[in-house]
Protein backbone atom coordinates (compact mmCIF):
# COMPACT_ATOMS: atom_id res chain seq x y z
CA UNK A 1 0.00 0.00 0.00
CA UNK A 2 1.19 3.54 -0.73
CA UNK A 3 2.47 5.25 2.41
CA UNK A 4 0.25 8.33 1.92
CA UNK A 5 -2.88 6.16 1.58
CA UNK A 6 -1.95 4.22 4.71
CA UNK A 7 -1.47 7.41 6.75
CA UNK A 8 -4.74 8.86 5.48
CA UNK A 9 -6.62 5.61 6.22
CA UNK A 10 -5.38 5.79 9.80
CA UNK A 11 -7.04 9.17 10.22
CA UNK A 12 -3.98 11.39 10.35
CA UNK A 13 -5.62 14.02 8.18
CA UNK A 14 -6.42 15.18 4.67
CA UNK A 15 -4.17 14.47 1.69
CA UNK A 16 -2.58 17.89 2.18
CA UNK A 17 -1.95 17.21 5.89
CA UNK A 18 -0.50 13.76 5.11
CA UNK A 19 1.94 15.31 2.60
CA UNK A 20 3.02 17.76 5.29
CA UNK A 21 3.64 14.92 7.80
CA UNK A 22 5.81 13.16 5.20
CA UNK A 23 7.65 16.33 4.17
CA UNK A 24 8.48 17.07 7.82
CA UNK A 25 10.32 13.73 8.07
CA UNK A 26 7.84 12.41 10.65
CA UNK A 27 7.48 8.98 9.01
CA UNK A 28 10.00 6.16 9.13
CA UNK A 29 9.87 2.71 7.52
CA UNK A 30 12.25 0.13 8.99
CA UNK A 31 14.19 2.95 10.63
CA UNK A 32 14.59 5.06 7.49
CA UNK A 33 12.83 8.39 6.97
CA UNK A 34 10.35 8.34 4.09
CA UNK A 35 9.25 11.61 2.49
CA UNK A 36 7.98 10.33 -0.87
CA UNK A 37 4.20 9.81 -0.81
CA UNK A 38 4.42 7.21 -3.58
CA UNK A 39 6.59 4.76 -1.59
CA UNK A 40 4.88 1.39 -1.09
CA UNK A 41 5.04 -0.39 2.25
CA UNK A 42 4.29 -3.93 3.36
CA UNK A 43 1.74 -3.41 6.14
CA UNK A 44 2.28 -6.93 7.44
CA UNK A 45 6.06 -6.88 7.75
CA UNK A 46 7.48 -3.36 7.65
CA UNK A 47 8.06 -1.42 10.88
CA UNK A 48 6.27 1.90 10.34
CA UNK A 49 6.46 4.85 12.72
CA UNK A 50 4.42 8.04 12.41
CA UNK A 51 5.20 11.01 14.67
CA UNK A 52 7.29 8.71 16.86
CA UNK A 53 4.55 6.12 17.32
CA UNK A 54 4.70 2.64 15.79
CA UNK A 55 1.52 1.87 13.89
CA UNK A 56 -0.08 -1.46 13.13
CA UNK A 57 -2.32 -1.32 10.10
CA UNK A 58 -5.04 -3.87 9.45
CA UNK A 59 -7.42 -4.08 6.54
CA UNK A 60 -10.45 -5.22 8.54
CA UNK A 61 -11.79 -4.49 11.99
CA UNK A 62 -14.27 -6.65 13.92
CA UNK A 63 -15.97 -5.24 17.01
CA UNK A 64 -18.48 -6.68 19.48
CA UNK A 65 -20.61 -4.02 21.16
CA UNK A 66 -23.14 -4.18 23.98
CA UNK A 67 -25.52 -1.71 22.36
CA UNK A 68 -27.26 0.61 24.81
CA UNK A 69 -30.91 1.66 24.42
CA UNK A 70 -31.55 5.04 22.80
CA UNK A 71 -28.78 4.60 20.22
CA UNK A 72 -29.56 3.64 16.64
CA UNK A 73 -27.87 0.94 14.55
CA UNK A 74 -26.54 3.14 11.76
CA UNK A 75 -23.33 4.81 10.65
CA UNK A 76 -24.79 8.33 10.76
CA UNK A 77 -28.03 10.09 11.62
CA UNK A 78 -29.03 13.75 11.67
CA UNK A 79 -31.06 13.46 14.90
CA UNK A 80 -29.96 10.50 17.02
CA UNK A 81 -26.68 9.17 18.36
CA UNK A 82 -25.50 6.13 16.42
CA UNK A 83 -23.48 3.09 17.44
CA UNK A 84 -20.57 4.42 15.36
CA UNK A 85 -20.61 7.61 17.45
CA UNK A 86 -19.69 5.42 20.45
CA UNK A 87 -16.42 4.29 18.86
CA UNK A 88 -12.98 5.68 19.61
CA UNK A 89 -11.41 7.64 16.74
CA UNK A 90 -8.77 4.94 16.26
CA UNK A 91 -11.55 2.43 15.46
CA UNK A 92 -13.81 4.87 13.62
CA UNK A 93 -11.16 5.51 10.95
CA UNK A 94 -11.68 1.96 9.66
CA UNK A 95 -15.29 2.99 8.83
CA UNK A 96 -17.02 -0.03 10.41
CA UNK A 97 -20.78 -0.44 10.07
CA UNK A 98 -23.31 -2.45 12.10
CA UNK A 99 -24.06 -5.94 10.79
CA UNK A 100 -27.84 -5.94 10.81
CA UNK A 101 -29.75 -3.70 13.16
CA UNK A 102 -31.18 -3.57 16.62
CA UNK A 103 -34.18 -1.34 17.35
CA UNK A 104 -33.41 1.96 19.05
CA UNK A 105 -34.74 0.73 22.41
CA UNK A 106 -33.17 -2.75 22.14
CA UNK A 107 -29.92 -3.62 23.92
CA UNK A 108 -27.24 -6.20 23.46
CA UNK A 109 -25.00 -7.96 20.98
CA UNK A 110 -24.09 -5.94 17.90
CA UNK A 111 -21.28 -6.74 15.51
CA UNK A 112 -19.54 -3.88 13.69
CA UNK A 113 -17.06 -4.45 10.89
CA UNK A 114 -15.81 -3.08 7.57
CA UNK A 115 -15.63 -6.62 6.13
CA UNK A 116 -18.49 -6.49 3.64
CA UNK A 117 -18.11 -10.11 2.59
CA UNK A 118 -18.51 -11.41 6.14
CA UNK A 119 -21.45 -9.06 6.78
CA UNK A 120 -23.21 -10.36 3.67
CA UNK A 121 -22.55 -13.94 4.75
CA UNK A 122 -24.06 -13.33 8.19
CA UNK A 123 -27.09 -11.42 6.91
CA UNK A 124 -27.97 -13.57 3.91
CA UNK A 125 -31.42 -15.18 4.41
CA UNK A 126 -30.05 -18.36 2.81
CA UNK A 127 -27.51 -18.76 5.62
CA UNK A 128 -30.15 -18.97 8.39
CA UNK A 129 -27.78 -17.48 10.97
CA UNK A 130 -29.55 -17.74 14.36
CA UNK A 131 -29.95 -14.75 16.66
CA UNK A 132 -31.03 -15.28 20.26
CA UNK A 133 -32.86 -12.67 22.33
CA UNK A 134 -33.79 -12.36 25.98
CA UNK A 135 -37.09 -10.60 26.50
CA UNK A 136 -39.55 -9.66 29.23
CA UNK A 137 -43.18 -10.10 28.16
CA UNK A 138 -46.10 -8.21 29.71
CA UNK A 139 -48.11 -11.34 30.54
CA UNK A 140 -47.95 -15.12 30.85
CA UNK A 141 -46.19 -16.98 28.04
CA UNK A 142 -47.67 -20.47 27.63
CA UNK A 143 -46.81 -23.85 26.17
CA UNK A 144 -49.26 -22.97 23.37
CA UNK A 145 -47.12 -19.96 22.49
CA UNK A 146 -44.05 -22.21 22.31
CA UNK A 147 -45.88 -24.46 19.83
CA UNK A 148 -47.12 -21.46 17.80
CA UNK A 149 -43.58 -20.12 17.47
CA UNK A 150 -42.34 -23.57 16.39
CA UNK A 151 -44.66 -23.39 13.39
CA UNK A 152 -43.96 -19.71 12.70
CA UNK A 153 -46.49 -16.94 13.25
CA UNK A 154 -48.24 -14.56 10.87
CA UNK A 155 -47.21 -10.94 11.33
CA UNK A 156 -49.44 -7.89 10.94
CA UNK A 157 -48.50 -7.50 7.27
CA UNK A 158 -49.43 -11.11 6.46
CA UNK A 159 -45.86 -12.43 6.40
CA UNK A 160 -45.51 -15.89 7.95
CA UNK A 161 -42.22 -16.19 9.82
CA UNK A 162 -39.82 -19.07 9.80
CA UNK A 163 -40.01 -21.25 12.93
CA UNK A 164 -38.69 -19.69 16.14
CA UNK A 165 -37.37 -21.55 19.18
CA UNK A 166 -39.11 -20.09 22.24
CA UNK A 167 -37.93 -20.99 25.74
CA UNK A 168 -39.90 -19.84 28.77
CA UNK A 169 -37.49 -19.01 31.60
CA UNK A 170 -40.11 -17.63 33.98
CA UNK A 171 -43.86 -17.45 33.46
CA UNK A 172 -46.27 -15.27 35.40
CA UNK A 173 -47.78 -11.80 35.37
CA UNK A 174 -44.59 -10.98 33.53
CA UNK A 175 -42.61 -13.65 31.73
CA UNK A 176 -38.91 -13.99 30.94
CA UNK A 177 -38.15 -15.76 27.69
CA UNK A 178 -35.41 -16.56 25.21
CA UNK A 179 -36.24 -16.60 21.52
CA UNK A 180 -33.99 -17.82 18.71
CA UNK A 181 -34.87 -16.79 15.16
CA UNK A 182 -33.03 -16.96 11.83
CA UNK A 183 -34.57 -13.88 10.24
CA UNK A 184 -34.29 -10.15 10.83
CA UNK A 185 -37.55 -8.58 9.75
CA UNK A 186 -38.35 -5.07 11.01
CA UNK A 187 -39.25 -5.25 14.74
CA UNK A 188 -39.58 -9.01 14.28
CA UNK A 189 -39.43 -10.20 17.90
CA UNK A 190 -41.94 -7.58 19.02
CA UNK A 191 -44.27 -8.34 16.11
CA UNK A 192 -44.08 -12.10 16.70
CA UNK A 193 -45.35 -11.61 20.25
CA UNK A 194 -47.99 -9.15 19.07
CA UNK A 195 -49.19 -11.92 16.73
CA UNK A 196 -50.06 -14.03 19.81
CA UNK A 197 -51.59 -11.09 21.69
CA UNK A 198 -48.61 -10.22 23.90
CA UNK A 199 -46.19 -7.31 24.24
CA UNK A 200 -42.42 -7.15 24.63
CA UNK A 201 -41.47 -4.68 27.36
CA UNK A 202 -37.69 -5.32 27.40
CA UNK A 203 -35.49 -6.80 24.67
CA UNK A 204 -31.82 -7.72 24.54
CA UNK A 205 -29.91 -9.71 21.92
CA UNK A 206 -27.58 -12.15 23.61
CA UNK A 207 -26.00 -14.01 20.69
CA UNK A 208 -25.52 -14.12 16.94
CA UNK A 209 -24.37 -17.26 15.18
CA UNK A 210 -21.55 -18.87 17.19
CA UNK A 211 -20.82 -15.79 19.34
CA UNK A 212 -22.39 -14.78 22.64
CA UNK A 213 -22.37 -11.30 24.14
CA UNK A 214 -19.34 -10.81 26.38
CA UNK A 215 -20.73 -10.45 29.92
CA UNK A 216 -17.88 -8.12 30.86
CA UNK A 217 -19.08 -5.44 28.41
CA UNK A 218 -21.22 -2.77 30.04
CA UNK A 219 -23.87 -0.99 27.98
CA UNK A 220 -22.12 1.12 25.33
CA UNK A 221 -18.81 -0.72 25.68
CA UNK A 222 -17.19 -2.75 22.92
CA UNK A 223 -14.06 -4.75 22.18
CA UNK A 224 -12.27 -6.25 19.21
CA UNK A 225 -13.01 -9.86 18.42
CA UNK A 226 -10.21 -12.36 19.00
CA UNK A 227 -8.71 -14.27 16.07
CA UNK A 228 -10.56 -17.34 17.29
CA UNK A 229 -13.90 -15.50 17.31
CA UNK A 230 -13.29 -14.06 13.83
CA UNK A 231 -12.55 -17.55 12.51
CA UNK A 232 -15.68 -18.92 14.19
CA UNK A 233 -17.77 -16.34 12.33
CA UNK A 234 -16.06 -16.91 8.99
CA UNK A 235 -16.36 -20.69 9.21
CA UNK A 236 -19.87 -20.74 10.65
CA UNK A 237 -22.41 -22.94 8.91
CA UNK A 238 -25.94 -23.46 10.21
CA UNK A 239 -26.94 -26.84 8.85
C-alpha atoms as a PDB file:
ATOM      1  CA  UNK A   1       0.000   0.000   0.000  1.00  0.00           C
ATOM      2  CA  UNK A   2       1.192   3.538  -0.726  1.00  0.00           C
ATOM      3  CA  UNK A   3       2.468   5.246   2.409  1.00  0.00           C
ATOM      4  CA  UNK A   4       0.252   8.335   1.923  1.00  0.00           C
ATOM      5  CA  UNK A   5      -2.879   6.164   1.583  1.00  0.00           C
ATOM      6  CA  UNK A   6      -1.954   4.216   4.715  1.00  0.00           C
ATOM      7  CA  UNK A   7      -1.467   7.405   6.750  1.00  0.00           C
ATOM      8  CA  UNK A   8      -4.743   8.865   5.481  1.00  0.00           C
ATOM      9  CA  UNK A   9      -6.616   5.613   6.221  1.00  0.00           C
ATOM     10  CA  UNK A  10      -5.385   5.788   9.802  1.00  0.00           C
ATOM     11  CA  UNK A  11      -7.043   9.169  10.221  1.00  0.00           C
ATOM     12  CA  UNK A  12      -3.979  11.393  10.352  1.00  0.00           C
ATOM     13  CA  UNK A  13      -5.615  14.022   8.179  1.00  0.00           C
ATOM     14  CA  UNK A  14      -6.419  15.177   4.668  1.00  0.00           C
ATOM     15  CA  UNK A  15      -4.173  14.469   1.689  1.00  0.00           C
ATOM     16  CA  UNK A  16      -2.575  17.890   2.184  1.00  0.00           C
ATOM     17  CA  UNK A  17      -1.950  17.207   5.893  1.00  0.00           C
ATOM     18  CA  UNK A  18      -0.501  13.765   5.106  1.00  0.00           C
ATOM     19  CA  UNK A  19       1.943  15.310   2.604  1.00  0.00           C
ATOM     20  CA  UNK A  20       3.018  17.762   5.288  1.00  0.00           C
ATOM     21  CA  UNK A  21       3.642  14.923   7.795  1.00  0.00           C
ATOM     22  CA  UNK A  22       5.814  13.158   5.201  1.00  0.00           C
ATOM     23  CA  UNK A  23       7.647  16.333   4.174  1.00  0.00           C
ATOM     24  CA  UNK A  24       8.480  17.068   7.824  1.00  0.00           C
ATOM     25  CA  UNK A  25      10.317  13.734   8.072  1.00  0.00           C
ATOM     26  CA  UNK A  26       7.842  12.411  10.653  1.00  0.00           C
ATOM     27  CA  UNK A  27       7.484   8.981   9.010  1.00  0.00           C
ATOM     28  CA  UNK A  28      10.004   6.163   9.127  1.00  0.00           C
ATOM     29  CA  UNK A  29       9.870   2.711   7.522  1.00  0.00           C
ATOM     30  CA  UNK A  30      12.254   0.133   8.986  1.00  0.00           C
ATOM     31  CA  UNK A  31      14.187   2.952  10.631  1.00  0.00           C
ATOM     32  CA  UNK A  32      14.595   5.059   7.489  1.00  0.00           C
ATOM     33  CA  UNK A  33      12.829   8.387   6.970  1.00  0.00           C
ATOM     34  CA  UNK A  34      10.349   8.338   4.092  1.00  0.00           C
ATOM     35  CA  UNK A  35       9.245  11.614   2.492  1.00  0.00           C
ATOM     36  CA  UNK A  36       7.983  10.330  -0.869  1.00  0.00           C
ATOM     37  CA  UNK A  37       4.196   9.814  -0.807  1.00  0.00           C
ATOM     38  CA  UNK A  38       4.422   7.207  -3.581  1.00  0.00           C
ATOM     39  CA  UNK A  39       6.586   4.763  -1.594  1.00  0.00           C
ATOM     40  CA  UNK A  40       4.884   1.390  -1.093  1.00  0.00           C
ATOM     41  CA  UNK A  41       5.043  -0.391   2.254  1.00  0.00           C
ATOM     42  CA  UNK A  42       4.294  -3.934   3.363  1.00  0.00           C
ATOM     43  CA  UNK A  43       1.741  -3.413   6.138  1.00  0.00           C
ATOM     44  CA  UNK A  44       2.278  -6.934   7.443  1.00  0.00           C
ATOM     45  CA  UNK A  45       6.064  -6.878   7.755  1.00  0.00           C
ATOM     46  CA  UNK A  46       7.483  -3.357   7.649  1.00  0.00           C
ATOM     47  CA  UNK A  47       8.064  -1.421  10.875  1.00  0.00           C
ATOM     48  CA  UNK A  48       6.265   1.899  10.339  1.00  0.00           C
ATOM     49  CA  UNK A  49       6.460   4.849  12.724  1.00  0.00           C
ATOM     50  CA  UNK A  50       4.417   8.044  12.413  1.00  0.00           C
ATOM     51  CA  UNK A  51       5.202  11.014  14.667  1.00  0.00           C
ATOM     52  CA  UNK A  52       7.294   8.705  16.862  1.00  0.00           C
ATOM     53  CA  UNK A  53       4.550   6.118  17.319  1.00  0.00           C
ATOM     54  CA  UNK A  54       4.701   2.637  15.794  1.00  0.00           C
ATOM     55  CA  UNK A  55       1.521   1.869  13.888  1.00  0.00           C
ATOM     56  CA  UNK A  56      -0.082  -1.463  13.134  1.00  0.00           C
ATOM     57  CA  UNK A  57      -2.321  -1.317  10.100  1.00  0.00           C
ATOM     58  CA  UNK A  58      -5.036  -3.866   9.450  1.00  0.00           C
ATOM     59  CA  UNK A  59      -7.424  -4.076   6.543  1.00  0.00           C
ATOM     60  CA  UNK A  60     -10.447  -5.219   8.536  1.00  0.00           C
ATOM     61  CA  UNK A  61     -11.791  -4.494  11.995  1.00  0.00           C
ATOM     62  CA  UNK A  62     -14.273  -6.652  13.916  1.00  0.00           C
ATOM     63  CA  UNK A  63     -15.974  -5.241  17.011  1.00  0.00           C
ATOM     64  CA  UNK A  64     -18.481  -6.684  19.481  1.00  0.00           C
ATOM     65  CA  UNK A  65     -20.611  -4.025  21.162  1.00  0.00           C
ATOM     66  CA  UNK A  66     -23.140  -4.180  23.982  1.00  0.00           C
ATOM     67  CA  UNK A  67     -25.518  -1.709  22.356  1.00  0.00           C
ATOM     68  CA  UNK A  68     -27.263   0.610  24.815  1.00  0.00           C
ATOM     69  CA  UNK A  69     -30.905   1.661  24.420  1.00  0.00           C
ATOM     70  CA  UNK A  70     -31.550   5.036  22.799  1.00  0.00           C
ATOM     71  CA  UNK A  71     -28.784   4.597  20.216  1.00  0.00           C
ATOM     72  CA  UNK A  72     -29.563   3.636  16.644  1.00  0.00           C
ATOM     73  CA  UNK A  73     -27.868   0.943  14.549  1.00  0.00           C
ATOM     74  CA  UNK A  74     -26.544   3.139  11.758  1.00  0.00           C
ATOM     75  CA  UNK A  75     -23.332   4.812  10.651  1.00  0.00           C
ATOM     76  CA  UNK A  76     -24.794   8.333  10.755  1.00  0.00           C
ATOM     77  CA  UNK A  77     -28.029  10.089  11.617  1.00  0.00           C
ATOM     78  CA  UNK A  78     -29.034  13.747  11.669  1.00  0.00           C
ATOM     79  CA  UNK A  79     -31.056  13.459  14.899  1.00  0.00           C
ATOM     80  CA  UNK A  80     -29.957  10.505  17.019  1.00  0.00           C
ATOM     81  CA  UNK A  81     -26.683   9.173  18.356  1.00  0.00           C
ATOM     82  CA  UNK A  82     -25.498   6.129  16.415  1.00  0.00           C
ATOM     83  CA  UNK A  83     -23.475   3.089  17.441  1.00  0.00           C
ATOM     84  CA  UNK A  84     -20.572   4.418  15.356  1.00  0.00           C
ATOM     85  CA  UNK A  85     -20.605   7.611  17.453  1.00  0.00           C
ATOM     86  CA  UNK A  86     -19.688   5.415  20.453  1.00  0.00           C
ATOM     87  CA  UNK A  87     -16.418   4.295  18.859  1.00  0.00           C
ATOM     88  CA  UNK A  88     -12.978   5.679  19.607  1.00  0.00           C
ATOM     89  CA  UNK A  89     -11.410   7.639  16.743  1.00  0.00           C
ATOM     90  CA  UNK A  90      -8.766   4.939  16.259  1.00  0.00           C
ATOM     91  CA  UNK A  91     -11.548   2.435  15.460  1.00  0.00           C
ATOM     92  CA  UNK A  92     -13.813   4.870  13.620  1.00  0.00           C
ATOM     93  CA  UNK A  93     -11.160   5.510  10.951  1.00  0.00           C
ATOM     94  CA  UNK A  94     -11.679   1.960   9.657  1.00  0.00           C
ATOM     95  CA  UNK A  95     -15.295   2.990   8.826  1.00  0.00           C
ATOM     96  CA  UNK A  96     -17.016  -0.027  10.407  1.00  0.00           C
ATOM     97  CA  UNK A  97     -20.777  -0.441  10.070  1.00  0.00           C
ATOM     98  CA  UNK A  98     -23.306  -2.450  12.098  1.00  0.00           C
ATOM     99  CA  UNK A  99     -24.061  -5.937  10.788  1.00  0.00           C
ATOM    100  CA  UNK A 100     -27.841  -5.938  10.810  1.00  0.00           C
ATOM    101  CA  UNK A 101     -29.749  -3.699  13.160  1.00  0.00           C
ATOM    102  CA  UNK A 102     -31.184  -3.567  16.624  1.00  0.00           C
ATOM    103  CA  UNK A 103     -34.181  -1.344  17.347  1.00  0.00           C
ATOM    104  CA  UNK A 104     -33.413   1.962  19.049  1.00  0.00           C
ATOM    105  CA  UNK A 105     -34.744   0.727  22.413  1.00  0.00           C
ATOM    106  CA  UNK A 106     -33.169  -2.750  22.144  1.00  0.00           C
ATOM    107  CA  UNK A 107     -29.922  -3.623  23.921  1.00  0.00           C
ATOM    108  CA  UNK A 108     -27.237  -6.196  23.461  1.00  0.00           C
ATOM    109  CA  UNK A 109     -25.004  -7.964  20.980  1.00  0.00           C
ATOM    110  CA  UNK A 110     -24.090  -5.944  17.903  1.00  0.00           C
ATOM    111  CA  UNK A 111     -21.283  -6.737  15.510  1.00  0.00           C
ATOM    112  CA  UNK A 112     -19.543  -3.877  13.688  1.00  0.00           C
ATOM    113  CA  UNK A 113     -17.057  -4.455  10.886  1.00  0.00           C
ATOM    114  CA  UNK A 114     -15.808  -3.084   7.575  1.00  0.00           C
ATOM    115  CA  UNK A 115     -15.633  -6.620   6.131  1.00  0.00           C
ATOM    116  CA  UNK A 116     -18.492  -6.486   3.643  1.00  0.00           C
ATOM    117  CA  UNK A 117     -18.112 -10.106   2.585  1.00  0.00           C
ATOM    118  CA  UNK A 118     -18.510 -11.407   6.143  1.00  0.00           C
ATOM    119  CA  UNK A 119     -21.449  -9.063   6.779  1.00  0.00           C
ATOM    120  CA  UNK A 120     -23.210 -10.362   3.670  1.00  0.00           C
ATOM    121  CA  UNK A 121     -22.554 -13.945   4.747  1.00  0.00           C
ATOM    122  CA  UNK A 122     -24.057 -13.333   8.194  1.00  0.00           C
ATOM    123  CA  UNK A 123     -27.088 -11.422   6.912  1.00  0.00           C
ATOM    124  CA  UNK A 124     -27.974 -13.575   3.905  1.00  0.00           C
ATOM    125  CA  UNK A 125     -31.421 -15.182   4.406  1.00  0.00           C
ATOM    126  CA  UNK A 126     -30.053 -18.357   2.810  1.00  0.00           C
ATOM    127  CA  UNK A 127     -27.508 -18.760   5.616  1.00  0.00           C
ATOM    128  CA  UNK A 128     -30.151 -18.968   8.390  1.00  0.00           C
ATOM    129  CA  UNK A 129     -27.782 -17.480  10.969  1.00  0.00           C
ATOM    130  CA  UNK A 130     -29.552 -17.738  14.364  1.00  0.00           C
ATOM    131  CA  UNK A 131     -29.945 -14.750  16.664  1.00  0.00           C
ATOM    132  CA  UNK A 132     -31.028 -15.278  20.264  1.00  0.00           C
ATOM    133  CA  UNK A 133     -32.858 -12.670  22.328  1.00  0.00           C
ATOM    134  CA  UNK A 134     -33.789 -12.362  25.985  1.00  0.00           C
ATOM    135  CA  UNK A 135     -37.094 -10.595  26.504  1.00  0.00           C
ATOM    136  CA  UNK A 136     -39.546  -9.658  29.229  1.00  0.00           C
ATOM    137  CA  UNK A 137     -43.180 -10.095  28.156  1.00  0.00           C
ATOM    138  CA  UNK A 138     -46.099  -8.213  29.708  1.00  0.00           C
ATOM    139  CA  UNK A 139     -48.112 -11.345  30.543  1.00  0.00           C
ATOM    140  CA  UNK A 140     -47.952 -15.121  30.853  1.00  0.00           C
ATOM    141  CA  UNK A 141     -46.191 -16.977  28.045  1.00  0.00           C
ATOM    142  CA  UNK A 142     -47.667 -20.466  27.630  1.00  0.00           C
ATOM    143  CA  UNK A 143     -46.810 -23.850  26.169  1.00  0.00           C
ATOM    144  CA  UNK A 144     -49.262 -22.967  23.370  1.00  0.00           C
ATOM    145  CA  UNK A 145     -47.123 -19.964  22.488  1.00  0.00           C
ATOM    146  CA  UNK A 146     -44.050 -22.211  22.308  1.00  0.00           C
ATOM    147  CA  UNK A 147     -45.881 -24.456  19.827  1.00  0.00           C
ATOM    148  CA  UNK A 148     -47.118 -21.463  17.795  1.00  0.00           C
ATOM    149  CA  UNK A 149     -43.582 -20.117  17.472  1.00  0.00           C
ATOM    150  CA  UNK A 150     -42.337 -23.566  16.395  1.00  0.00           C
ATOM    151  CA  UNK A 151     -44.661 -23.388  13.393  1.00  0.00           C
ATOM    152  CA  UNK A 152     -43.964 -19.711  12.701  1.00  0.00           C
ATOM    153  CA  UNK A 153     -46.492 -16.941  13.246  1.00  0.00           C
ATOM    154  CA  UNK A 154     -48.245 -14.563  10.870  1.00  0.00           C
ATOM    155  CA  UNK A 155     -47.213 -10.936  11.330  1.00  0.00           C
ATOM    156  CA  UNK A 156     -49.436  -7.889  10.943  1.00  0.00           C
ATOM    157  CA  UNK A 157     -48.496  -7.496   7.270  1.00  0.00           C
ATOM    158  CA  UNK A 158     -49.427 -11.107   6.456  1.00  0.00           C
ATOM    159  CA  UNK A 159     -45.860 -12.429   6.397  1.00  0.00           C
ATOM    160  CA  UNK A 160     -45.508 -15.893   7.947  1.00  0.00           C
ATOM    161  CA  UNK A 161     -42.221 -16.187   9.816  1.00  0.00           C
ATOM    162  CA  UNK A 162     -39.818 -19.071   9.797  1.00  0.00           C
ATOM    163  CA  UNK A 163     -40.012 -21.247  12.931  1.00  0.00           C
ATOM    164  CA  UNK A 164     -38.686 -19.693  16.141  1.00  0.00           C
ATOM    165  CA  UNK A 165     -37.368 -21.553  19.178  1.00  0.00           C
ATOM    166  CA  UNK A 166     -39.112 -20.089  22.237  1.00  0.00           C
ATOM    167  CA  UNK A 167     -37.935 -20.991  25.743  1.00  0.00           C
ATOM    168  CA  UNK A 168     -39.899 -19.842  28.772  1.00  0.00           C
ATOM    169  CA  UNK A 169     -37.485 -19.009  31.600  1.00  0.00           C
ATOM    170  CA  UNK A 170     -40.111 -17.629  33.979  1.00  0.00           C
ATOM    171  CA  UNK A 171     -43.857 -17.455  33.456  1.00  0.00           C
ATOM    172  CA  UNK A 172     -46.267 -15.270  35.399  1.00  0.00           C
ATOM    173  CA  UNK A 173     -47.783 -11.796  35.367  1.00  0.00           C
ATOM    174  CA  UNK A 174     -44.587 -10.980  33.526  1.00  0.00           C
ATOM    175  CA  UNK A 175     -42.609 -13.648  31.727  1.00  0.00           C
ATOM    176  CA  UNK A 176     -38.906 -13.989  30.939  1.00  0.00           C
ATOM    177  CA  UNK A 177     -38.155 -15.765  27.687  1.00  0.00           C
ATOM    178  CA  UNK A 178     -35.410 -16.559  25.209  1.00  0.00           C
ATOM    179  CA  UNK A 179     -36.241 -16.602  21.519  1.00  0.00           C
ATOM    180  CA  UNK A 180     -33.986 -17.816  18.706  1.00  0.00           C
ATOM    181  CA  UNK A 181     -34.869 -16.789  15.157  1.00  0.00           C
ATOM    182  CA  UNK A 182     -33.028 -16.962  11.831  1.00  0.00           C
ATOM    183  CA  UNK A 183     -34.567 -13.877  10.242  1.00  0.00           C
ATOM    184  CA  UNK A 184     -34.287 -10.155  10.827  1.00  0.00           C
ATOM    185  CA  UNK A 185     -37.548  -8.579   9.752  1.00  0.00           C
ATOM    186  CA  UNK A 186     -38.349  -5.075  11.006  1.00  0.00           C
ATOM    187  CA  UNK A 187     -39.247  -5.248  14.742  1.00  0.00           C
ATOM    188  CA  UNK A 188     -39.576  -9.008  14.278  1.00  0.00           C
ATOM    189  CA  UNK A 189     -39.430 -10.204  17.903  1.00  0.00           C
ATOM    190  CA  UNK A 190     -41.939  -7.578  19.022  1.00  0.00           C
ATOM    191  CA  UNK A 191     -44.268  -8.340  16.115  1.00  0.00           C
ATOM    192  CA  UNK A 192     -44.082 -12.098  16.700  1.00  0.00           C
ATOM    193  CA  UNK A 193     -45.352 -11.610  20.249  1.00  0.00           C
ATOM    194  CA  UNK A 194     -47.990  -9.148  19.073  1.00  0.00           C
ATOM    195  CA  UNK A 195     -49.185 -11.922  16.732  1.00  0.00           C
ATOM    196  CA  UNK A 196     -50.061 -14.028  19.805  1.00  0.00           C
ATOM    197  CA  UNK A 197     -51.589 -11.092  21.688  1.00  0.00           C
ATOM    198  CA  UNK A 198     -48.610 -10.223  23.896  1.00  0.00           C
ATOM    199  CA  UNK A 199     -46.191  -7.310  24.242  1.00  0.00           C
ATOM    200  CA  UNK A 200     -42.419  -7.148  24.627  1.00  0.00           C
ATOM    201  CA  UNK A 201     -41.465  -4.680  27.364  1.00  0.00           C
ATOM    202  CA  UNK A 202     -37.689  -5.324  27.402  1.00  0.00           C
ATOM    203  CA  UNK A 203     -35.492  -6.800  24.671  1.00  0.00           C
ATOM    204  CA  UNK A 204     -31.824  -7.721  24.544  1.00  0.00           C
ATOM    205  CA  UNK A 205     -29.915  -9.712  21.924  1.00  0.00           C
ATOM    206  CA  UNK A 206     -27.578 -12.155  23.615  1.00  0.00           C
ATOM    207  CA  UNK A 207     -26.002 -14.015  20.692  1.00  0.00           C
ATOM    208  CA  UNK A 208     -25.519 -14.120  16.944  1.00  0.00           C
ATOM    209  CA  UNK A 209     -24.371 -17.261  15.181  1.00  0.00           C
ATOM    210  CA  UNK A 210     -21.545 -18.866  17.192  1.00  0.00           C
ATOM    211  CA  UNK A 211     -20.819 -15.788  19.341  1.00  0.00           C
ATOM    212  CA  UNK A 212     -22.392 -14.783  22.642  1.00  0.00           C
ATOM    213  CA  UNK A 213     -22.367 -11.298  24.143  1.00  0.00           C
ATOM    214  CA  UNK A 214     -19.336 -10.815  26.378  1.00  0.00           C
ATOM    215  CA  UNK A 215     -20.730 -10.452  29.919  1.00  0.00           C
ATOM    216  CA  UNK A 216     -17.880  -8.119  30.864  1.00  0.00           C
ATOM    217  CA  UNK A 217     -19.077  -5.442  28.412  1.00  0.00           C
ATOM    218  CA  UNK A 218     -21.215  -2.768  30.042  1.00  0.00           C
ATOM    219  CA  UNK A 219     -23.868  -0.989  27.981  1.00  0.00           C
ATOM    220  CA  UNK A 220     -22.120   1.116  25.333  1.00  0.00           C
ATOM    221  CA  UNK A 221     -18.807  -0.715  25.678  1.00  0.00           C
ATOM    222  CA  UNK A 222     -17.192  -2.748  22.924  1.00  0.00           C
ATOM    223  CA  UNK A 223     -14.060  -4.748  22.179  1.00  0.00           C
ATOM    224  CA  UNK A 224     -12.272  -6.246  19.206  1.00  0.00           C
ATOM    225  CA  UNK A 225     -13.007  -9.863  18.419  1.00  0.00           C
ATOM    226  CA  UNK A 226     -10.211 -12.359  19.003  1.00  0.00           C
ATOM    227  CA  UNK A 227      -8.709 -14.267  16.070  1.00  0.00           C
ATOM    228  CA  UNK A 228     -10.562 -17.343  17.294  1.00  0.00           C
ATOM    229  CA  UNK A 229     -13.904 -15.498  17.314  1.00  0.00           C
ATOM    230  CA  UNK A 230     -13.294 -14.064  13.835  1.00  0.00           C
ATOM    231  CA  UNK A 231     -12.549 -17.547  12.509  1.00  0.00           C
ATOM    232  CA  UNK A 232     -15.680 -18.924  14.189  1.00  0.00           C
ATOM    233  CA  UNK A 233     -17.770 -16.338  12.326  1.00  0.00           C
ATOM    234  CA  UNK A 234     -16.061 -16.913   8.991  1.00  0.00           C
ATOM    235  CA  UNK A 235     -16.359 -20.685   9.212  1.00  0.00           C
ATOM    236  CA  UNK A 236     -19.872 -20.737  10.652  1.00  0.00           C
ATOM    237  CA  UNK A 237     -22.412 -22.937   8.910  1.00  0.00           C
ATOM    238  CA  UNK A 238     -25.935 -23.460  10.207  1.00  0.00           C
ATOM    239  CA  UNK A 239     -26.938 -26.843   8.846  1.00  0.00           C
END
